[in-house]
Amino acid sequence: MINFRLIRHLWLFLAVAEEQNFGRAAKRLGMSQPPLSEQIQVLEQALKVKLFERSRRGAKLTPVGAAILPAVRKFAEQLERLELAVDEALAGQSGMLTIGAISTAMFDVLPGLIEGLKEDYPHLTVSVREIDSVEAVPALEAGDIDLAFARLDGDLGDSIQSLPLLEDRLMLAHQFPQRVLSFVDIEGNIAPEDCFLSRQIIDCPSDDPELFFTAFIERARHAPAYASALYAANLRHKVRVQAVRGIFESMVELSDNANLMGKFLGLPCPKMFMFGDQNASLSYLPHIAAHGVRLGQIPACGHFPMYSNPIAMWQHMADFYGAISG
């Protein structure tokens, strides 16, 4: 027997966990806050655990809540697929193909492919979800997707068939300086002081990836810098929890020990460094300006120009490219 009440409660739990605030979750769900709080309490009583630590600042997952969040998120995705399959079946569709694709494939490869599939198999339902390349093989093996478009190398195992569609190469600019015509750094790390976010993997350590990521998002959400809350709000939808440690540790290692400043300044091409006005106190700005780097200070902006003031960011880039091409 399907427990529809439990399913609804899990949907409510997921909304509160992702929003980290009962008010925002209630608005997202189209309901008022008191019934939502009451239903979460019912769920906690049914499971005999506490899922959230409530405070004036919001709702923070407890260790138990953080532990069940990945399973609830996967369950929600499966329910969405089931709902889609039912709707398509009622509409006369006879089959379903679930595709996982990295972002570049979603724009470059899938549109033409899906159009062709619809022409050849008009009764086929195609569902597409964005994945990281590292998720492709596990998702295929688990049956979460039927087809993956990803960057993969090496032996994929006997259960997975692969077909190369495109081949591209990642290029490190400093290794091929003659091929770099210009370089714009949008507040990317070039010195140890840039690691105030990624260095939290060392300053605020946790053995549990989910607990660290949840706490990191919470700290970013309440940071005073422009757009930090916006950055925090969509971070969970962009980065896999298991990938955070490797990304942050490599950023700290490279910023501290890889002479990124020297590599940046060594590029024999026009260069611009963009930064928000809240970061105008970076100690190295006069140094890179003295080496010919154009400084692009973005007004009303913190560490994330693409979130804080994208219009000004793109205008600075257009002015820069106009100046070097004219």
C-alpha atoms as a PDB file:
ATOM      1  CA  MET A   1       0.000   0.000   0.000  1.00  0.00           C
ATOM      2  CA  ILE A   2       1.422   3.388  -1.034  1.00  0.00           C
ATOM      3  CA  ASN A   3       1.578   5.850   1.845  1.00  0.00           C
ATOM      4  CA  PHE A   4       0.585   9.032   0.020  1.00  0.00           C
ATOM      5  CA  ARG A   5       0.665  11.018   3.247  1.00  0.00           C
ATOM      6  CA  LEU A   6       4.328  10.115   3.771  1.00  0.00           C
ATOM      7  CA  ILE A   7       5.091  11.056   0.162  1.00  0.00           C
ATOM      8  CA  ARG A   8       3.562  14.490   0.682  1.00  0.00           C
ATOM      9  CA  HIS A   9       5.514  14.955   3.909  1.00  0.00           C
ATOM     10  CA  LEU A  10       8.755  14.072   2.138  1.00  0.00           C
ATOM     11  CA  TRP A  11       7.999  16.668  -0.560  1.00  0.00           C
ATOM     12  CA  LEU A  12       7.510  19.255   2.184  1.00  0.00           C
ATOM     13  CA  PHE A  13      10.739  18.157   3.902  1.00  0.00           C
ATOM     14  CA  LEU A  14      12.670  18.533   0.631  1.00  0.00           C
ATOM     15  CA  ALA A  15      11.370  22.064   0.081  1.00  0.00           C
ATOM     16  CA  VAL A  16      12.337  23.195   3.592  1.00  0.00           C
ATOM     17  CA  ALA A  17      15.736  21.483   3.338  1.00  0.00           C
ATOM     18  CA  GLU A  18      16.537  23.213   0.042  1.00  0.00           C
ATOM     19  CA  GLU A  19      15.237  26.623   1.061  1.00  0.00           C
ATOM     20  CA  GLN A  20      16.558  26.379   4.647  1.00  0.00           C
ATOM     21  CA  ASN A  21      13.663  28.572   5.673  1.00  0.00           C
ATOM     22  CA  PHE A  22      10.029  27.696   6.414  1.00  0.00           C
ATOM     23  CA  GLY A  23       8.700  30.962   4.998  1.00  0.00           C
ATOM     24  CA  ARG A  24      10.481  30.601   1.652  1.00  0.00           C
ATOM     25  CA  ALA A  25       9.546  26.925   1.452  1.00  0.00           C
ATOM     26  CA  ALA A  26       5.893  27.714   2.097  1.00  0.00           C
ATOM     27  CA  LYS A  27       5.916  30.361  -0.638  1.00  0.00           C
ATOM     28  CA  ARG A  28       7.524  27.896  -3.059  1.00  0.00           C
ATOM     29  CA  LEU A  29       4.869  25.291  -2.216  1.00  0.00           C
ATOM     30  CA  GLY A  30       1.988  27.738  -2.499  1.00  0.00           C
ATOM     31  CA  MET A  31       0.858  27.354   1.104  1.00  0.00           C
ATOM     32  CA  SER A  32       1.043  29.307   4.327  1.00  0.00           C
ATOM     33  CA  GLN A  33       3.800  28.720   6.847  1.00  0.00           C
ATOM     34  CA  PRO A  34       1.882  27.402   9.913  1.00  0.00           C
ATOM     35  CA  PRO A  35       0.475  24.296   8.128  1.00  0.00           C
ATOM     36  CA  LEU A  36       3.917  23.578   6.683  1.00  0.00           C
ATOM     37  CA  SER A  37       5.554  23.742  10.109  1.00  0.00           C
ATOM     38  CA  GLU A  38       2.820  21.526  11.505  1.00  0.00           C
ATOM     39  CA  GLN A  39       3.268  18.911   8.769  1.00  0.00           C
ATOM     40  CA  ILE A  40       7.043  18.800   9.306  1.00  0.00           C
ATOM     41  CA  GLN A  41       6.420  18.235  13.010  1.00  0.00           C
ATOM     42  CA  VAL A  42       4.063  15.366  12.112  1.00  0.00           C
ATOM     43  CA  LEU A  43       6.808  13.855   9.933  1.00  0.00           C
ATOM     44  CA  GLU A  44       9.365  14.183  12.735  1.00  0.00           C
ATOM     45  CA  GLN A  45       6.979  12.503  15.160  1.00  0.00           C
ATOM     46  CA  ALA A  46       6.271   9.692  12.699  1.00  0.00           C
ATOM     47  CA  LEU A  47       9.974   9.066  12.102  1.00  0.00           C
ATOM     48  CA  LYS A  48      10.814   9.662  15.779  1.00  0.00           C
ATOM     49  CA  VAL A  49      13.692  11.967  14.844  1.00  0.00           C
ATOM     50  CA  LYS A  50      14.382  15.692  14.689  1.00  0.00           C
ATOM     51  CA  LEU A  51      15.001  16.837  11.135  1.00  0.00           C
ATOM     52  CA  PHE A  52      15.570  20.586  11.537  1.00  0.00           C
ATOM     53  CA  GLU A  53      17.115  22.976  14.023  1.00  0.00           C
ATOM     54  CA  ARG A  54      14.785  25.974  14.004  1.00  0.00           C
ATOM     55  CA  SER A  55      15.949  29.511  14.746  1.00  0.00           C
ATOM     56  CA  ARG A  56      15.161  33.079  13.763  1.00  0.00           C
ATOM     57  CA  ARG A  57      17.677  32.743  10.924  1.00  0.00           C
ATOM     58  CA  GLY A  58      15.886  29.788   9.354  1.00  0.00           C
ATOM     59  CA  ALA A  59      15.832  26.016   9.452  1.00  0.00           C
ATOM     60  CA  LYS A  60      19.086  24.063   9.531  1.00  0.00           C
ATOM     61  CA  LEU A  61      19.193  20.332   8.871  1.00  0.00           C
ATOM     62  CA  THR A  62      20.160  18.149  11.804  1.00  0.00           C
ATOM     63  CA  PRO A  63      22.681  15.346  11.133  1.00  0.00           C
ATOM     64  CA  VAL A  64      19.752  12.948  10.681  1.00  0.00           C
ATOM     65  CA  GLY A  65      18.031  15.338   8.277  1.00  0.00           C
ATOM     66  CA  ALA A  66      21.224  15.784   6.269  1.00  0.00           C
ATOM     67  CA  ALA A  67      21.712  12.009   6.149  1.00  0.00           C
ATOM     68  CA  ILE A  68      18.307  11.296   4.599  1.00  0.00           C
ATOM     69  CA  LEU A  69      18.293  14.291   2.230  1.00  0.00           C
ATOM     70  CA  PRO A  70      20.090  12.542  -0.704  1.00  0.00           C
ATOM     71  CA  ALA A  71      17.665   9.613  -0.584  1.00  0.00           C
ATOM     72  CA  VAL A  72      14.650  11.930  -0.423  1.00  0.00           C
ATOM     73  CA  ARG A  73      15.971  13.981  -3.357  1.00  0.00           C
ATOM     74  CA  LYS A  74      16.444  10.811  -5.449  1.00  0.00           C
ATOM     75  CA  PHE A  75      12.972   9.611  -4.465  1.00  0.00           C
ATOM     76  CA  ALA A  76      11.517  12.957  -5.591  1.00  0.00           C
ATOM     77  CA  GLU A  77      13.258  12.624  -8.969  1.00  0.00           C
ATOM     78  CA  GLN A  78      11.826   9.120  -9.398  1.00  0.00           C
ATOM     79  CA  LEU A  79       8.338  10.371  -8.554  1.00  0.00           C
ATOM     80  CA  GLU A  80       8.667  13.107 -11.172  1.00  0.00           C
ATOM     81  CA  ARG A  81       9.663  10.497 -13.751  1.00  0.00           C
ATOM     82  CA  LEU A  82       6.699   8.348 -12.738  1.00  0.00           C
ATOM     83  CA  GLU A  83       4.332  11.289 -13.027  1.00  0.00           C
ATOM     84  CA  LEU A  84       5.700  12.118 -16.469  1.00  0.00           C
ATOM     85  CA  ALA A  85       5.362   8.505 -17.595  1.00  0.00           C
ATOM     86  CA  VAL A  86       1.729   8.386 -16.430  1.00  0.00           C
ATOM     87  CA  ASP A  87       0.881  11.651 -18.162  1.00  0.00           C
ATOM     88  CA  GLU A  88       2.504  10.538 -21.395  1.00  0.00           C
ATOM     89  CA  ALA A  89       0.807   7.133 -21.243  1.00  0.00           C
ATOM     90  CA  LEU A  90      -2.559   8.827 -20.890  1.00  0.00           C
ATOM     91  CA  ALA A  91      -1.656  10.983 -23.888  1.00  0.00           C
ATOM     92  CA  GLY A  92      -0.974   7.912 -25.998  1.00  0.00           C
ATOM     93  CA  GLN A  93       2.808   7.703 -25.653  1.00  0.00           C
ATOM     94  CA  SER A  94       4.176   4.139 -25.631  1.00  0.00           C
ATOM     95  CA  GLY A  95       7.748   4.371 -24.334  1.00  0.00           C
ATOM     96  CA  MET A  96      10.112   6.484 -22.291  1.00  0.00           C
ATOM     97  CA  LEU A  97      13.807   7.301 -22.747  1.00  0.00           C
ATOM     98  CA  THR A  98      15.655   9.065 -19.938  1.00  0.00           C
ATOM     99  CA  ILE A  99      18.786  10.934 -21.002  1.00  0.00           C
ATOM    100  CA  GLY A 100      21.482  12.347 -18.751  1.00  0.00           C
ATOM    101  CA  ALA A 101      23.708  14.979 -20.296  1.00  0.00           C
ATOM    102  CA  ILE A 102      26.396  17.445 -19.318  1.00  0.00           C
ATOM    103  CA  SER A 103      25.522  21.078 -19.929  1.00  0.00           C
ATOM    104  CA  THR A 104      27.465  21.466 -23.183  1.00  0.00           C
ATOM    105  CA  ALA A 105      25.765  18.410 -24.679  1.00  0.00           C
ATOM    106  CA  MET A 106      22.348  19.772 -23.711  1.00  0.00           C
ATOM    107  CA  PHE A 107      22.978  22.772 -25.952  1.00  0.00           C
ATOM    108  CA  ASP A 108      25.188  21.349 -28.693  1.00  0.00           C
ATOM    109  CA  VAL A 109      24.055  17.748 -29.212  1.00  0.00           C
ATOM    110  CA  LEU A 110      20.634  17.021 -27.753  1.00  0.00           C
ATOM    111  CA  PRO A 111      18.332  19.459 -29.613  1.00  0.00           C
ATOM    112  CA  GLY A 112      18.951  17.867 -33.008  1.00  0.00           C
ATOM    113  CA  LEU A 113      18.947  14.353 -31.564  1.00  0.00           C
ATOM    114  CA  ILE A 114      15.630  14.795 -29.774  1.00  0.00           C
ATOM    115  CA  GLU A 115      14.067  16.328 -32.864  1.00  0.00           C
ATOM    116  CA  GLY A 116      15.150  13.291 -34.881  1.00  0.00           C
ATOM    117  CA  LEU A 117      13.861  10.888 -32.230  1.00  0.00           C
ATOM    118  CA  LYS A 118      10.470  12.574 -32.219  1.00  0.00           C
ATOM    119  CA  GLU A 119      10.253  12.213 -35.996  1.00  0.00           C
ATOM    120  CA  ASP A 120      11.279   8.544 -36.006  1.00  0.00           C
ATOM    121  CA  TYR A 121       9.463   7.534 -32.804  1.00  0.00           C
ATOM    122  CA  PRO A 122       6.480   9.859 -32.377  1.00  0.00           C
ATOM    123  CA  HIS A 123       5.102   7.884 -29.419  1.00  0.00           C
ATOM    124  CA  LEU A 124       8.364   8.009 -27.450  1.00  0.00           C
ATOM    125  CA  THR A 125       8.614  10.203 -24.373  1.00  0.00           C
ATOM    126  CA  VAL A 126      12.067  11.729 -23.871  1.00  0.00           C
ATOM    127  CA  SER A 127      13.080  12.964 -20.437  1.00  0.00           C
ATOM    128  CA  VAL A 128      16.341  14.929 -20.047  1.00  0.00           C
ATOM    129  CA  ARG A 129      18.231  15.706 -16.850  1.00  0.00           C
ATOM    130  CA  GLU A 130      21.550  17.497 -16.395  1.00  0.00           C
ATOM    131  CA  ILE A 131      24.398  15.463 -14.912  1.00  0.00           C
ATOM    132  CA  ASP A 132      28.132  15.765 -14.311  1.00  0.00           C
ATOM    133  CA  SER A 133      30.429  13.453 -16.253  1.00  0.00           C
ATOM    134  CA  VAL A 134      31.350  11.588 -13.066  1.00  0.00           C
ATOM    135  CA  GLU A 135      27.670  10.779 -12.508  1.00  0.00           C
ATOM    136  CA  ALA A 136      27.176   9.155 -15.902  1.00  0.00           C
ATOM    137  CA  VAL A 137      28.364   5.599 -15.222  1.00  0.00           C
ATOM    138  CA  PRO A 138      26.758   5.261 -11.736  1.00  0.00           C
ATOM    139  CA  ALA A 139      23.465   6.641 -13.086  1.00  0.00           C
ATOM    140  CA  LEU A 140      23.505   4.205 -16.005  1.00  0.00           C
ATOM    141  CA  GLU A 141      24.346   1.253 -13.770  1.00  0.00           C
ATOM    142  CA  ALA A 142      21.608   2.209 -11.308  1.00  0.00           C
ATOM    143  CA  GLY A 143      19.040   2.510 -14.088  1.00  0.00           C
ATOM    144  CA  ASP A 144      18.375   6.167 -13.333  1.00  0.00           C
ATOM    145  CA  ILE A 145      19.119   7.064 -16.973  1.00  0.00           C
ATOM    146  CA  ASP A 146      19.108   5.066 -20.202  1.00  0.00           C
ATOM    147  CA  LEU A 147      21.538   7.156 -22.211  1.00  0.00           C
ATOM    148  CA  ALA A 148      24.368   9.491 -21.153  1.00  0.00           C
ATOM    149  CA  PHE A 149      26.205  12.266 -22.955  1.00  0.00           C
ATOM    150  CA  ALA A 150      29.373  12.964 -20.992  1.00  0.00           C
ATOM    151  CA  ARG A 151      33.151  13.256 -21.137  1.00  0.00           C
ATOM    152  CA  LEU A 152      34.434   9.792 -20.273  1.00  0.00           C
ATOM    153  CA  ASP A 153      37.792   8.036 -20.492  1.00  0.00           C
ATOM    154  CA  GLY A 154      39.044   4.528 -19.875  1.00  0.00           C
ATOM    155  CA  ASP A 155      37.212   1.242 -19.385  1.00  0.00           C
ATOM    156  CA  LEU A 156      33.507   1.739 -18.656  1.00  0.00           C
ATOM    157  CA  GLY A 157      32.845  -1.911 -17.819  1.00  0.00           C
ATOM    158  CA  ASP A 158      31.086  -4.714 -19.648  1.00  0.00           C
ATOM    159  CA  SER A 159      27.571  -3.458 -18.909  1.00  0.00           C
ATOM    160  CA  ILE A 160      27.938  -0.109 -20.678  1.00  0.00           C
ATOM    161  CA  GLN A 161      28.385   0.462 -24.389  1.00  0.00           C
ATOM    162  CA  SER A 162      29.999   3.696 -25.524  1.00  0.00           C
ATOM    163  CA  LEU A 163      30.208   5.567 -28.785  1.00  0.00           C
ATOM    164  CA  PRO A 164      32.530   8.564 -29.275  1.00  0.00           C
ATOM    165  CA  LEU A 165      30.653  11.502 -30.791  1.00  0.00           C
ATOM    166  CA  LEU A 166      33.063  14.406 -30.401  1.00  0.00           C
ATOM    167  CA  GLU A 167      36.616  14.895 -29.223  1.00  0.00           C
ATOM    168  CA  ASP A 168      37.845  18.077 -27.598  1.00  0.00           C
ATOM    169  CA  ARG A 169      40.817  19.148 -25.543  1.00  0.00           C
ATOM    170  CA  LEU A 170      41.075  21.294 -22.481  1.00  0.00           C
ATOM    171  CA  MET A 171      43.873  23.826 -22.877  1.00  0.00           C
ATOM    172  CA  LEU A 172      45.861  25.423 -20.069  1.00  0.00           C
ATOM    173  CA  ALA A 173      46.449  28.962 -21.260  1.00  0.00           C
ATOM    174  CA  HIS A 174      49.949  29.318 -19.803  1.00  0.00           C
ATOM    175  CA  GLN A 175      51.115  26.178 -21.620  1.00  0.00           C
ATOM    176  CA  PHE A 176      50.053  27.553 -25.016  1.00  0.00           C
ATOM    177  CA  PRO A 177      50.520  31.316 -24.591  1.00  0.00           C
ATOM    178  CA  GLN A 178      50.896  31.919 -28.319  1.00  0.00           C
ATOM    179  CA  ARG A 179      47.331  30.718 -28.860  1.00  0.00           C
ATOM    180  CA  VAL A 180      45.750  33.068 -26.290  1.00  0.00           C
ATOM    181  CA  LEU A 181      44.630  36.341 -27.883  1.00  0.00           C
ATOM    182  CA  SER A 182      43.206  37.888 -24.702  1.00  0.00           C
ATOM    183  CA  PHE A 183      42.368  36.841 -21.156  1.00  0.00           C
ATOM    184  CA  VAL A 184      39.630  38.067 -18.811  1.00  0.00           C
ATOM    185  CA  ASP A 185      39.786  36.877 -15.212  1.00  0.00           C
ATOM    186  CA  ILE A 186      36.390  37.288 -13.500  1.00  0.00           C
ATOM    187  CA  GLU A 187      37.788  37.347  -9.977  1.00  0.00           C
ATOM    188  CA  GLY A 188      39.286  33.902 -10.392  1.00  0.00           C
ATOM    189  CA  ASN A 189      41.931  32.845  -7.900  1.00  0.00           C
ATOM    190  CA  ILE A 190      45.421  34.193  -8.562  1.00  0.00           C
ATOM    191  CA  ALA A 191      46.651  34.568  -4.966  1.00  0.00           C
ATOM    192  CA  PRO A 192      46.183  32.836  -1.573  1.00  0.00           C
ATOM    193  CA  GLU A 193      43.926  35.638  -0.306  1.00  0.00           C
ATOM    194  CA  ASP A 194      41.344  34.697  -2.952  1.00  0.00           C
ATOM    195  CA  CYS A 195      40.597  31.415  -1.144  1.00  0.00           C
ATOM    196  CA  PHE A 196      38.277  32.826   1.505  1.00  0.00           C
ATOM    197  CA  LEU A 197      35.501  30.499   0.292  1.00  0.00           C
ATOM    198  CA  SER A 198      37.363  27.334  -0.670  1.00  0.00           C
ATOM    199  CA  ARG A 199      39.672  27.549   2.366  1.00  0.00           C
ATOM    200  CA  GLN A 200      36.685  26.693   4.530  1.00  0.00           C
ATOM    201  CA  ILE A 201      37.411  23.047   3.691  1.00  0.00           C
ATOM    202  CA  ILE A 202      40.442  23.514   5.999  1.00  0.00           C
ATOM    203  CA  ASP A 203      39.160  26.137   8.437  1.00  0.00           C
ATOM    204  CA  CYS A 204      35.736  24.525   8.999  1.00  0.00           C
ATOM    205  CA  PRO A 205      36.401  20.812   8.365  1.00  0.00           C
ATOM    206  CA  SER A 206      33.870  18.007   8.513  1.00  0.00           C
ATOM    207  CA  ASP A 207      34.236  14.318   7.720  1.00  0.00           C
ATOM    208  CA  ASP A 208      30.662  14.272   6.418  1.00  0.00           C
ATOM    209  CA  PRO A 209      30.439  15.829   2.903  1.00  0.00           C
ATOM    210  CA  GLU A 210      26.745  16.626   3.270  1.00  0.00           C
ATOM    211  CA  LEU A 211      27.164  18.326   6.639  1.00  0.00           C
ATOM    212  CA  PHE A 212      30.078  20.417   5.353  1.00  0.00           C
ATOM    213  CA  PHE A 213      28.181  21.462   2.220  1.00  0.00           C
ATOM    214  CA  THR A 214      25.064  22.374   4.172  1.00  0.00           C
ATOM    215  CA  ALA A 215      27.070  24.449   6.659  1.00  0.00           C
ATOM    216  CA  PHE A 216      29.038  26.106   3.837  1.00  0.00           C
ATOM    217  CA  ILE A 217      25.829  27.118   2.077  1.00  0.00           C
ATOM    218  CA  GLU A 218      24.456  28.495   5.323  1.00  0.00           C
ATOM    219  CA  ARG A 219      27.568  30.590   5.939  1.00  0.00           C
ATOM    220  CA  ALA A 220      27.473  31.912   2.378  1.00  0.00           C
ATOM    221  CA  ARG A 221      23.767  32.686   2.658  1.00  0.00           C
ATOM    222  CA  HIS A 222      24.358  35.013   5.607  1.00  0.00           C
ATOM    223  CA  ALA A 223      27.585  36.600   4.365  1.00  0.00           C
ATOM    224  CA  PRO A 224      27.370  40.404   4.018  1.00  0.00           C
ATOM    225  CA  ALA A 225      28.743  40.512   0.460  1.00  0.00           C
ATOM    226  CA  TYR A 226      26.453  41.351  -2.447  1.00  0.00           C
ATOM    227  CA  ALA A 227      24.819  38.299  -4.054  1.00  0.00           C
ATOM    228  CA  SER A 228      26.254  35.769  -1.588  1.00  0.00           C
ATOM    229  CA  ALA A 229      22.725  34.699  -0.696  1.00  0.00           C
ATOM    230  CA  LEU A 230      21.868  34.252  -4.383  1.00  0.00           C
ATOM    231  CA  TYR A 231      25.065  32.232  -4.880  1.00  0.00           C
ATOM    232  CA  ALA A 232      24.168  30.058  -1.898  1.00  0.00           C
ATOM    233  CA  ALA A 233      20.579  29.575  -3.021  1.00  0.00           C
ATOM    234  CA  ASN A 234      21.462  27.843  -6.291  1.00  0.00           C
ATOM    235  CA  LEU A 235      24.769  26.217  -5.325  1.00  0.00           C
ATOM    236  CA  ARG A 236      23.218  22.883  -4.368  1.00  0.00           C
ATOM    237  CA  HIS A 237      21.684  22.604  -7.832  1.00  0.00           C
ATOM    238  CA  LYS A 238      25.050  23.163  -9.525  1.00  0.00           C
ATOM    239  CA  VAL A 239      27.588  21.150  -7.538  1.00  0.00           C
ATOM    240  CA  ARG A 240      27.562  17.532  -6.414  1.00  0.00           C
ATOM    241  CA  VAL A 241      28.138  17.175  -2.687  1.00  0.00           C
ATOM    242  CA  GLN A 242      30.825  14.534  -3.220  1.00  0.00           C
ATOM    243  CA  ALA A 243      32.756  16.821  -5.580  1.00  0.00           C
ATOM    244  CA  VAL A 244      33.094  19.756  -3.171  1.00  0.00           C
ATOM    245  CA  ARG A 245      36.092  18.521  -1.173  1.00  0.00           C
ATOM    246  CA  GLY A 246      38.206  17.802  -4.243  1.00  0.00           C
ATOM    247  CA  ILE A 247      37.331  21.132  -5.844  1.00  0.00           C
ATOM    248  CA  PHE A 248      38.041  23.184  -2.730  1.00  0.00           C
ATOM    249  CA  GLU A 249      41.245  21.360  -1.792  1.00  0.00           C
ATOM    250  CA  SER A 250      42.628  21.765  -5.311  1.00  0.00           C
ATOM    251  CA  MET A 251      41.740  25.471  -5.333  1.00  0.00           C
ATOM    252  CA  VAL A 252      43.605  26.017  -2.070  1.00  0.00           C
ATOM    253  CA  GLU A 253      46.589  23.981  -3.230  1.00  0.00           C
ATOM    254  CA  LEU A 254      46.830  25.799  -6.560  1.00  0.00           C
ATOM    255  CA  SER A 255      46.311  29.250  -5.043  1.00  0.00           C
ATOM    256  CA  ASP A 256      48.950  28.664  -2.372  1.00  0.00           C
ATOM    257  CA  ASN A 257      51.593  26.798  -4.334  1.00  0.00           C
ATOM    258  CA  ALA A 258      51.095  26.957  -8.115  1.00  0.00           C
ATOM    259  CA  ASN A 259      52.236  30.555  -8.803  1.00  0.00           C
ATOM    260  CA  LEU A 260      48.928  31.465 -10.432  1.00  0.00           C
ATOM    261  CA  MET A 261      49.856  35.151 -10.281  1.00  0.00           C
ATOM    262  CA  GLY A 262      53.012  34.521 -12.297  1.00  0.00           C
ATOM    263  CA  LYS A 263      51.169  32.428 -14.870  1.00  0.00           C
ATOM    264  CA  PHE A 264      48.494  35.109 -15.268  1.00  0.00           C
ATOM    265  CA  LEU A 265      50.948  37.973 -15.621  1.00  0.00           C
ATOM    266  CA  GLY A 266      53.139  35.890 -17.924  1.00  0.00           C
ATOM    267  CA  LEU A 267      50.505  35.615 -20.655  1.00  0.00           C
ATOM    268  CA  PRO A 268      51.751  37.822 -23.552  1.00  0.00           C
ATOM    269  CA  CYS A 269      48.315  39.181 -24.424  1.00  0.00           C
ATOM    270  CA  PRO A 270      45.905  41.899 -23.244  1.00  0.00           C
ATOM    271  CA  LYS A 271      44.508  40.976 -19.838  1.00  0.00           C
ATOM    272  CA  MET A 272      41.717  42.247 -17.613  1.00  0.00           C
ATOM    273  CA  PHE A 273      40.943  41.366 -14.000  1.00  0.00           C
ATOM    274  CA  MET A 274      37.341  41.967 -12.920  1.00  0.00           C
ATOM    275  CA  PHE A 275      36.305  42.318  -9.283  1.00  0.00           C
ATOM    276  CA  GLY A 276      33.430  43.661  -7.229  1.00  0.00           C
ATOM    277  CA  ASP A 277      33.787  46.962  -5.423  1.00  0.00           C
ATOM    278  CA  GLN A 278      33.459  45.124  -2.097  1.00  0.00           C
ATOM    279  CA  ASN A 279      36.766  43.436  -2.963  1.00  0.00           C
ATOM    280  CA  ALA A 280      38.590  46.598  -4.026  1.00  0.00           C
ATOM    281  CA  SER A 281      40.930  46.129  -1.050  1.00  0.00           C
ATOM    282  CA  LEU A 282      42.651  43.075  -2.568  1.00  0.00           C
ATOM    283  CA  SER A 283      46.322  43.674  -1.861  1.00  0.00           C
ATOM    284  CA  TYR A 284      47.609  42.638  -5.285  1.00  0.00           C
ATOM    285  CA  LEU A 285      45.493  44.976  -7.430  1.00  0.00           C
ATOM    286  CA  PRO A 286      48.193  47.714  -7.694  1.00  0.00           C
ATOM    287  CA  HIS A 287      50.760  45.025  -8.551  1.00  0.00           C
ATOM    288  CA  ILE A 288      48.869  43.527 -11.472  1.00  0.00           C
ATOM    289  CA  ALA A 289      47.869  47.005 -12.708  1.00  0.00           C
ATOM    290  CA  ALA A 290      51.544  47.945 -12.776  1.00  0.00           C
ATOM    291  CA  HIS A 291      52.108  44.915 -15.016  1.00  0.00           C
ATOM    292  CA  GLY A 292      49.628  46.156 -17.587  1.00  0.00           C
ATOM    293  CA  VAL A 293      46.501  44.361 -16.440  1.00  0.00           C
ATOM    294  CA  ARG A 294      43.339  46.363 -16.965  1.00  0.00           C
ATOM    295  CA  LEU A 295      41.263  46.507 -13.778  1.00  0.00           C
ATOM    296  CA  GLY A 296      37.506  46.206 -14.131  1.00  0.00           C
ATOM    297  CA  GLN A 297      35.810  47.228 -10.892  1.00  0.00           C
ATOM    298  CA  ILE A 298      32.119  46.286 -10.932  1.00  0.00           C
ATOM    299  CA  PRO A 299      29.852  48.570  -8.870  1.00  0.00           C
ATOM    300  CA  ALA A 300      27.277  47.204  -6.407  1.00  0.00           C
ATOM    301  CA  CYS A 301      29.092  43.897  -6.478  1.00  0.00           C
ATOM    302  CA  GLY A 302      30.787  41.457  -4.125  1.00  0.00           C
ATOM    303  CA  HIS A 303      32.778  38.378  -5.065  1.00  0.00           C
ATOM    304  CA  PHE A 304      30.372  37.247  -7.789  1.00  0.00           C
ATOM    305  CA  PRO A 305      29.978  39.766 -10.644  1.00  0.00           C
ATOM    306  CA  MET A 306      27.899  37.299 -12.637  1.00  0.00           C
ATOM    307  CA  TYR A 307      25.314  37.272  -9.833  1.00  0.00           C
ATOM    308  CA  SER A 308      25.646  40.774  -8.392  1.00  0.00           C
ATOM    309  CA  ASN A 309      25.751  42.989 -11.466  1.00  0.00           C
ATOM    310  CA  PRO A 310      25.940  40.992 -14.705  1.00  0.00           C
ATOM    311  CA  ILE A 311      25.015  43.947 -16.910  1.00  0.00           C
ATOM    312  CA  ALA A 312      28.005  45.959 -15.712  1.00  0.00           C
ATOM    313  CA  MET A 313      30.200  42.875 -15.981  1.00  0.00           C
ATOM    314  CA  TRP A 314      29.317  42.294 -19.639  1.00  0.00           C
ATOM    315  CA  GLN A 315      29.691  45.997 -20.387  1.00  0.00           C
ATOM    316  CA  HIS A 316      33.221  45.983 -18.957  1.00  0.00           C
ATOM    317  CA  MET A 317      34.047  42.972 -21.114  1.00  0.00           C
ATOM    318  CA  ALA A 318      32.594  44.628 -24.229  1.00  0.00           C
ATOM    319  CA  ASP A 319      34.604  47.796 -23.560  1.00  0.00           C
ATOM    320  CA  PHE A 320      37.765  45.737 -23.023  1.00  0.00           C
ATOM    321  CA  TYR A 321      37.370  43.753 -26.242  1.00  0.00           C
ATOM    322  CA  GLY A 322      36.436  46.896 -28.131  1.00  0.00           C
ATOM    323  CA  ALA A 323      39.582  48.623 -26.927  1.00  0.00           C
ATOM    324  CA  ILE A 324      41.970  45.806 -27.831  1.00  0.00           C
ATOM    325  CA  SER A 325      40.366  45.091 -31.214  1.00  0.00           C
ATOM    326  CA  GLY A 326      40.111  48.747 -32.261  1.00  0.00           C
END
